[in-house]
């Protein structure tokens, strides 16, 4: 019985190689890096829009 369960676990790990702890950590690190990059991009866009809004607000006076 124990050998059968072990074989099932081995077979499942072969089918889903990305399910190991190291693979999950690598995926999480990549996802975090992508989110941080996107946050920086959005912050830059937000700063630009604030400057543009201030510029156009001055123009209308």
C-alpha atoms as a PDB file:
ATOM      1  CA  UNK A   1       0.000   0.000   0.000  1.00  0.00           C
ATOM      2  CA  UNK A   2       2.712   2.514   0.966  1.00  0.00           C
ATOM      3  CA  UNK A   3       4.597   1.708  -2.233  1.00  0.00           C
ATOM      4  CA  UNK A   4       1.456   2.365  -4.287  1.00  0.00           C
ATOM      5  CA  UNK A   5       0.953   5.781  -2.686  1.00  0.00           C
ATOM      6  CA  UNK A   6       4.625   6.607  -3.251  1.00  0.00           C
ATOM      7  CA  UNK A   7       4.268   5.680  -6.927  1.00  0.00           C
ATOM      8  CA  UNK A   8       1.190   7.910  -7.210  1.00  0.00           C
ATOM      9  CA  UNK A   9       3.086  10.818  -5.674  1.00  0.00           C
ATOM     10  CA  UNK A  10       6.032  10.314  -8.015  1.00  0.00           C
ATOM     11  CA  UNK A  11       3.732  10.081 -11.037  1.00  0.00           C
ATOM     12  CA  UNK A  12       1.872  13.245  -9.996  1.00  0.00           C
ATOM     13  CA  UNK A  13       5.131  15.166  -9.532  1.00  0.00           C
ATOM     14  CA  UNK A  14       6.213  14.129 -13.023  1.00  0.00           C
ATOM     15  CA  UNK A  15       2.908  15.356 -14.477  1.00  0.00           C
ATOM     16  CA  UNK A  16       3.115  18.682 -12.606  1.00  0.00           C
ATOM     17  CA  UNK A  17       6.791  19.637 -12.357  1.00  0.00           C
ATOM     18  CA  UNK A  18       5.890  23.219 -11.424  1.00  0.00           C
ATOM     19  CA  UNK A  19       4.350  22.125  -8.160  1.00  0.00           C
ATOM     20  CA  UNK A  20       7.579  21.765  -6.200  1.00  0.00           C
ATOM     21  CA  UNK A  21       8.396  24.337  -3.527  1.00  0.00           C
ATOM     22  CA  UNK A  22      11.339  25.721  -5.513  1.00  0.00           C
ATOM     23  CA  UNK A  23       9.225  26.107  -8.632  1.00  0.00           C
ATOM     24  CA  UNK A  24       6.450  27.843  -6.695  1.00  0.00           C
ATOM     25  CA  UNK A  25       8.978  30.202  -5.101  1.00  0.00           C
ATOM     26  CA  UNK A  26      10.436  31.014  -8.513  1.00  0.00           C
ATOM     27  CA  UNK A  27       6.953  31.682  -9.883  1.00  0.00           C
ATOM     28  CA  UNK A  28       6.156  33.893  -6.880  1.00  0.00           C
ATOM     29  CA  UNK A  29       9.423  35.844  -7.316  1.00  0.00           C
ATOM     30  CA  UNK A  30       8.718  36.367 -11.014  1.00  0.00           C
ATOM     31  CA  UNK A  31       5.142  37.451 -10.278  1.00  0.00           C
ATOM     32  CA  UNK A  32       6.355  39.854  -7.568  1.00  0.00           C
ATOM     33  CA  UNK A  33       8.963  41.345  -9.892  1.00  0.00           C
ATOM     34  CA  UNK A  34       6.332  41.847 -12.603  1.00  0.00           C
ATOM     35  CA  UNK A  35       3.935  43.494 -10.151  1.00  0.00           C
ATOM     36  CA  UNK A  36       6.685  45.799  -8.859  1.00  0.00           C
ATOM     37  CA  UNK A  37       7.562  46.768 -12.438  1.00  0.00           C
ATOM     38  CA  UNK A  38       3.893  47.500 -13.171  1.00  0.00           C
ATOM     39  CA  UNK A  39       3.563  49.566  -9.988  1.00  0.00           C
ATOM     40  CA  UNK A  40       6.566  51.693 -11.004  1.00  0.00           C
ATOM     41  CA  UNK A  41       5.050  52.160 -14.463  1.00  0.00           C
ATOM     42  CA  UNK A  42       1.685  53.212 -13.032  1.00  0.00           C
ATOM     43  CA  UNK A  43       3.328  55.592 -10.564  1.00  0.00           C
ATOM     44  CA  UNK A  44       5.165  57.270 -13.441  1.00  0.00           C
ATOM     45  CA  UNK A  45       1.954  57.556 -15.439  1.00  0.00           C
ATOM     46  CA  UNK A  46       0.165  58.971 -12.409  1.00  0.00           C
ATOM     47  CA  UNK A  47       2.892  61.585 -11.865  1.00  0.00           C
ATOM     48  CA  UNK A  48       2.697  62.591 -15.523  1.00  0.00           C
ATOM     49  CA  UNK A  49      -1.090  62.936 -15.368  1.00  0.00           C
ATOM     50  CA  UNK A  50      -0.850  65.096 -12.237  1.00  0.00           C
ATOM     51  CA  UNK A  51       1.600  67.408 -14.019  1.00  0.00           C
ATOM     52  CA  UNK A  52      -0.604  67.533 -17.112  1.00  0.00           C
ATOM     53  CA  UNK A  53      -3.676  68.327 -15.017  1.00  0.00           C
ATOM     54  CA  UNK A  54      -1.797  71.134 -13.238  1.00  0.00           C
ATOM     55  CA  UNK A  55      -0.595  72.512 -16.577  1.00  0.00           C
ATOM     56  CA  UNK A  56      -4.083  72.576 -18.075  1.00  0.00           C
ATOM     57  CA  UNK A  57      -5.543  74.025 -14.888  1.00  0.00           C
ATOM     58  CA  UNK A  58      -3.081  76.947 -15.157  1.00  0.00           C
ATOM     59  CA  UNK A  59      -3.936  77.425 -18.850  1.00  0.00           C
ATOM     60  CA  UNK A  60      -7.631  77.944 -18.116  1.00  0.00           C
ATOM     61  CA  UNK A  61      -7.122  80.826 -15.655  1.00  0.00           C
END
